[in-house]
N, C-alpha and C. Protein backbone atom coordinates (compact mmCIF):
# COMPACT_ATOMS: atom_id res chain seq x y z
N UNK A 1 0.67 -0.88 -0.08
CA UNK A 1 0.17 -0.02 0.00
C UNK A 1 0.82 1.52 -0.10
N UNK A 2 0.70 2.03 -0.96
CA UNK A 2 1.75 3.20 -1.29
C UNK A 2 0.86 4.36 -0.27
N UNK A 3 1.63 5.60 0.22
CA UNK A 3 1.30 6.55 0.78
C UNK A 3 0.39 7.27 -0.06
N UNK A 4 -0.44 8.05 0.66
CA UNK A 4 -1.31 8.90 -0.30
C UNK A 4 -0.59 10.08 -0.35
N UNK A 5 -1.33 11.18 -1.34
CA UNK A 5 -0.54 12.38 -1.86
C UNK A 5 -0.31 13.44 -0.63
N UNK A 6 -1.23 13.17 0.38
CA UNK A 6 -1.30 14.16 1.52
C UNK A 6 -0.10 13.69 2.56
N UNK A 7 0.12 12.58 2.71
CA UNK A 7 1.02 11.91 3.41
C UNK A 7 2.30 12.34 3.16
N UNK A 8 2.43 12.49 1.81
CA UNK A 8 3.66 12.91 1.22
C UNK A 8 4.04 14.24 0.87
N UNK A 9 3.18 15.28 1.23
CA UNK A 9 3.26 16.67 1.15
C UNK A 9 3.67 17.00 2.63
N UNK A 10 4.69 17.83 2.50
CA UNK A 10 5.34 18.40 3.95
C UNK A 10 4.18 19.37 4.65
N UNK A 11 4.20 19.58 5.52
CA UNK A 11 3.26 19.84 6.68
C UNK A 11 3.57 21.53 6.41
N UNK A 12 2.73 22.61 6.88
CA UNK A 12 2.75 23.50 7.27
C UNK A 12 3.71 24.13 8.06
N UNK A 13 3.83 23.24 9.20
CA UNK A 13 5.00 23.52 10.25
C UNK A 13 6.55 23.50 9.61
N UNK A 14 6.47 22.39 9.02
CA UNK A 14 8.03 21.81 8.22
C UNK A 14 8.19 23.15 7.22
N UNK A 15 7.17 23.65 6.41
CA UNK A 15 7.40 24.43 5.56
C UNK A 15 7.97 25.88 6.26
N UNK A 16 7.17 26.19 7.04
CA UNK A 16 7.63 27.38 7.94
C UNK A 16 9.07 27.43 8.84
N UNK A 17 9.41 25.98 9.33
CA UNK A 17 10.75 25.91 10.01
C UNK A 17 11.90 25.92 8.86
N UNK A 18 11.53 25.17 7.72
CA UNK A 18 12.52 25.38 6.50
C UNK A 18 12.75 26.78 5.99
N UNK A 19 11.53 27.65 5.93
CA UNK A 19 11.52 29.30 5.54
C UNK A 19 12.69 29.94 6.78
N UNK A 20 12.09 29.75 7.87
CA UNK A 20 12.44 30.29 9.17
C UNK A 20 14.20 30.12 9.19
N UNK A 21 14.69 28.70 8.65
CA UNK A 21 15.82 28.37 8.60
C UNK A 21 16.71 28.97 7.57
N UNK A 22 16.09 28.92 6.45
CA UNK A 22 16.83 29.57 5.49
C UNK A 22 17.32 31.16 5.71
N UNK A 23 16.12 31.75 6.13
CA UNK A 23 15.96 33.46 6.44
C UNK A 23 17.19 33.08 7.64
N UNK A 24 17.33 32.61 8.46
CA UNK A 24 18.38 32.64 9.48
C UNK A 24 19.84 32.33 8.77
N UNK A 25 19.76 31.47 7.92
CA UNK A 25 21.10 30.98 7.26
C UNK A 25 21.56 31.94 6.18
N UNK A 26 20.64 32.65 5.43
CA UNK A 26 21.03 33.93 4.63
C UNK A 26 21.58 35.17 5.44
N UNK A 27 20.86 35.41 6.59
CA UNK A 27 21.16 36.51 7.33
C UNK A 27 22.59 36.25 7.76
N UNK A 28 23.17 34.91 8.35
CA UNK A 28 24.18 34.72 8.85
C UNK A 28 25.43 35.09 7.59
N UNK A 29 25.04 34.65 6.47
CA UNK A 29 25.78 34.55 5.29
C UNK A 29 26.01 35.94 5.30
N UNK A 30 25.32 36.80 4.84
CA UNK A 30 25.29 38.09 4.59
C UNK A 30 26.25 39.14 5.39
N UNK A 31 25.64 38.88 7.00
CA UNK A 31 26.37 39.51 8.12
C UNK A 31 27.95 39.21 8.12
N UNK A 32 28.11 37.94 8.02
CA UNK A 32 29.67 37.49 7.78
C UNK A 32 30.39 38.08 6.58
N UNK A 33 29.82 38.13 5.32
CA UNK A 33 30.23 38.56 4.35
C UNK A 33 30.33 40.34 4.06
N UNK A 34 29.41 40.84 4.87
CA UNK A 34 29.54 42.16 5.16
C UNK A 34 30.82 42.62 5.91
N UNK A 35 30.81 42.05 7.21
CA UNK A 35 32.32 41.98 7.89
C UNK A 35 33.38 41.84 7.27
N UNK A 36 33.64 40.70 6.26
CA UNK A 36 34.50 40.63 5.60
C UNK A 36 34.76 41.70 4.52
N UNK A 37 34.14 42.00 4.15
CA UNK A 37 33.78 43.24 2.46
C UNK A 37 34.57 44.61 3.36
N UNK A 38 33.57 44.98 4.51
CA UNK A 38 34.23 46.15 5.43
C UNK A 38 35.55 45.90 5.58
N UNK A 39 35.99 44.76 6.69
CA UNK A 39 37.22 44.85 6.81
C UNK A 39 38.36 44.74 5.82
N UNK A 40 38.14 43.90 4.82
CA UNK A 40 39.12 43.97 3.30
C UNK A 40 39.40 45.12 3.02
N UNK A 41 38.20 45.64 2.23
CA UNK A 41 38.12 46.96 1.94
C UNK A 41 38.47 48.15 2.50
N UNK A 42 38.49 48.18 3.70
CA UNK A 42 38.29 49.29 5.01
C UNK A 42 39.75 49.20 5.38
N UNK A 43 40.37 47.99 5.43
CA UNK A 43 42.03 48.01 6.05
C UNK A 43 42.77 48.56 4.60
N UNK A 44 42.30 48.19 3.59
CA UNK A 44 43.35 48.52 2.57
C UNK A 44 43.35 50.10 2.15
N UNK A 45 41.88 50.64 2.22
CA UNK A 45 41.58 51.65 1.84
C UNK A 45 42.22 52.77 2.82
N UNK A 46 42.50 52.63 4.15
CA UNK A 46 42.81 53.36 5.28
C UNK A 46 44.35 53.09 5.68
N UNK A 47 44.88 52.11 4.76
CA UNK A 47 46.09 51.67 5.60
C UNK A 47 47.00 52.57 5.47
N UNK A 48 46.92 53.91 4.60
CA UNK A 48 47.98 54.92 4.73
C UNK A 48 47.97 55.77 5.97
N UNK A 49 46.98 55.55 6.44
CA UNK A 49 46.57 56.46 7.69
C UNK A 49 47.17 55.62 8.65
N UNK A 50 46.98 54.52 9.10
CA UNK A 50 47.44 53.82 10.10
C UNK A 50 49.20 53.83 9.96
N UNK A 51 49.67 54.87 10.38
CA UNK A 51 50.98 54.85 10.38
C UNK A 51 51.70 54.96 11.75
N UNK A 52 51.49 53.85 12.42
CA UNK A 52 52.60 53.29 13.83
C UNK A 52 52.51 52.14 14.10
N UNK A 53 53.64 52.09 14.77
CA UNK A 53 54.59 50.76 14.72
C UNK A 53 53.35 49.86 15.68
N UNK A 54 53.59 48.48 15.11
CA UNK A 54 52.78 47.39 16.12
C UNK A 54 53.71 46.03 15.94
N UNK A 55 54.20 45.88 17.11
CA UNK A 55 55.30 44.79 17.15
C UNK A 55 56.30 45.10 16.18
N UNK A 56 56.92 46.20 16.17
CA UNK A 56 58.06 46.64 15.35
C UNK A 56 57.57 46.72 14.09
N UNK A 57 56.64 46.78 13.62
CA UNK A 57 56.42 46.53 12.32
C UNK A 57 55.39 47.85 11.99
N UNK A 58 55.52 48.42 10.86
CA UNK A 58 54.17 49.37 10.41
C UNK A 58 52.70 49.00 10.68
N UNK A 59 51.95 49.30 11.12
CA UNK A 59 50.56 48.42 11.50
C UNK A 59 49.86 48.47 10.19
N UNK A 60 50.24 49.52 9.11
CA UNK A 60 49.41 48.66 7.77
C UNK A 60 50.04 47.52 7.49
N UNK A 61 51.22 47.11 7.63
CA UNK A 61 51.63 45.95 7.01
C UNK A 61 51.23 44.93 7.72
N UNK A 62 51.53 44.83 8.93
CA UNK A 62 50.93 43.83 10.00
C UNK A 62 49.31 43.40 9.64
N UNK A 63 48.64 44.76 9.70
CA UNK A 63 47.18 44.48 8.68
C UNK A 63 47.15 43.68 7.98
N UNK A 64 47.79 43.99 6.78
CA UNK A 64 47.68 43.31 5.43
C UNK A 64 48.00 42.07 5.35
N UNK A 65 49.67 41.85 6.23
CA UNK A 65 49.75 40.41 6.35
C UNK A 65 49.47 39.33 7.45
N UNK A 66 48.82 39.76 8.44
CA UNK A 66 48.90 39.05 9.32
C UNK A 66 47.31 39.24 9.70
N UNK A 67 46.81 40.65 10.31
CA UNK A 67 45.63 40.72 10.88
C UNK A 67 44.31 40.28 9.97
N UNK A 68 44.13 40.55 8.70
CA UNK A 68 43.24 40.01 8.06
C UNK A 68 42.93 38.51 7.89
N UNK A 69 44.24 38.07 7.81
CA UNK A 69 44.15 36.66 7.86
C UNK A 69 43.55 35.90 8.82
N UNK A 70 43.95 36.77 10.18
CA UNK A 70 43.55 36.05 11.27
C UNK A 70 41.66 36.33 11.31
N UNK A 71 41.63 37.60 11.06
CA UNK A 71 39.79 37.84 10.66
C UNK A 71 39.14 36.62 9.80
N UNK A 72 39.99 36.47 8.91
CA UNK A 72 39.32 35.37 7.77
C UNK A 72 39.33 34.05 8.96
N UNK A 73 40.37 34.04 9.29
CA UNK A 73 40.10 32.44 10.20
C UNK A 73 38.82 32.35 11.43
N UNK A 74 38.79 33.43 11.95
CA UNK A 74 37.46 33.79 12.81
C UNK A 74 36.47 33.65 12.35
N UNK A 75 36.14 34.16 11.41
CA UNK A 75 34.97 34.42 10.67
C UNK A 75 34.34 33.10 10.01
N UNK A 76 35.59 32.21 9.63
CA UNK A 76 35.08 31.01 9.03
C UNK A 76 34.86 30.17 10.48
N UNK A 77 35.59 30.31 11.36
CA UNK A 77 35.24 29.44 12.57
C UNK A 77 33.82 29.73 13.46
N UNK A 78 33.75 30.85 13.41
CA UNK A 78 32.36 31.49 13.85
C UNK A 78 31.50 30.82 12.62
N UNK A 79 31.48 31.31 11.39
CA UNK A 79 30.09 30.54 10.62
C UNK A 79 30.14 29.09 10.61
N UNK A 80 31.47 28.27 10.89
CA UNK A 80 30.74 26.62 11.32
C UNK A 80 30.11 26.48 12.32
N UNK A 81 30.43 27.28 13.78
CA UNK A 81 29.86 27.25 14.75
C UNK A 81 28.26 27.27 14.92
N UNK A 82 28.27 28.38 13.89
CA UNK A 82 26.77 29.19 14.19
C UNK A 82 26.18 28.31 13.21
N UNK A 83 26.55 27.79 11.71
CA UNK A 83 25.64 26.86 11.00
C UNK A 83 25.24 25.52 11.56
N UNK A 84 26.34 25.15 12.22
CA UNK A 84 26.01 23.90 13.01
C UNK A 84 25.00 24.10 14.12
N UNK A 85 24.86 25.06 14.73
CA UNK A 85 23.98 25.35 15.62
C UNK A 85 22.56 25.63 15.27
N UNK A 86 22.68 26.37 14.09
CA UNK A 86 21.42 26.39 13.39
C UNK A 86 20.51 25.08 12.48
N UNK A 87 21.78 24.44 12.09
CA UNK A 87 21.37 23.15 11.75
C UNK A 87 20.81 22.19 12.69
N UNK A 88 21.29 22.11 13.81
CA UNK A 88 20.65 21.48 14.96
C UNK A 88 19.35 21.75 15.45
N UNK A 89 19.20 23.49 15.59
CA UNK A 89 17.65 23.92 16.14
C UNK A 89 16.85 23.59 14.87
N UNK A 90 17.49 23.51 13.69
CA UNK A 90 16.41 22.92 12.58
C UNK A 90 16.01 21.46 13.03
N UNK A 91 16.79 20.57 12.97
CA UNK A 91 16.40 19.24 12.95
C UNK A 91 15.78 19.29 14.13
N UNK A 92 16.14 19.59 15.09
CA UNK A 92 15.07 19.63 16.34
C UNK A 92 13.80 19.82 15.98
N UNK A 93 13.48 20.83 15.40
CA UNK A 93 12.11 21.76 15.01
C UNK A 93 11.38 20.52 14.11
N UNK A 94 12.00 20.20 13.17
CA UNK A 94 11.51 18.77 12.65
C UNK A 94 10.75 17.72 13.05
N UNK A 95 12.09 17.15 13.88
CA UNK A 95 11.86 16.20 14.77
C UNK A 95 10.49 16.35 15.85
N UNK A 96 10.21 17.59 16.52
CA UNK A 96 9.16 18.01 17.24
C UNK A 96 7.74 17.80 16.28
N UNK A 97 7.98 18.61 15.16
CA UNK A 97 6.69 18.68 14.07
C UNK A 97 6.36 17.29 13.58
N UNK A 98 7.51 16.35 13.19
CA UNK A 98 7.08 14.91 13.08
C UNK A 98 6.32 14.19 14.11
N UNK A 99 6.80 14.35 15.30
CA UNK A 99 6.21 13.77 16.38
C UNK A 99 5.04 14.13 16.73
N UNK A 100 4.60 15.38 16.45
CA UNK A 100 3.52 16.31 16.39
C UNK A 100 2.32 15.45 15.68
N UNK A 101 2.86 15.47 14.58
CA UNK A 101 1.99 15.04 13.32
C UNK A 101 1.95 13.38 13.30
N UNK A 102 2.70 12.61 13.91
CA UNK A 102 2.27 11.44 14.18
C UNK A 102 1.30 11.29 15.25
N UNK A 103 1.06 12.26 16.56
CA UNK A 103 0.44 11.56 17.40
C UNK A 103 -0.97 12.54 16.71
N UNK A 104 -1.17 13.50 16.47
CA UNK A 104 -2.54 13.95 15.73
C UNK A 104 -3.03 12.90 14.91
N UNK A 105 -2.05 12.45 14.11
CA UNK A 105 -2.92 11.41 12.88
C UNK A 105 -3.07 10.06 13.41
N UNK A 106 -2.46 9.55 14.61
CA UNK A 106 -2.59 8.11 14.88
C UNK A 106 -3.61 7.94 16.21
């Protein structure tokens, strides 16, 4: 016996959870890309004004050679942590929705 079409269709709760998940995922990506763009282009644009010594090197050189690379690593690590947390919340919500749907139909 094959499942009916209504049983295969996603529930409204799972569609809402999916929409919220992708909205938060896009917001996270956009925010981190904005930080990346401001740091990269702002650091390059204002590097001439950053004319002081930092660990014995001109700060503009340190910013380009080390500082931005460290920032990129932090951004990647934060994205991995936040995306994992977001995925877990989405999976938990889908589990709750499937349990609720199973108890309502059964």
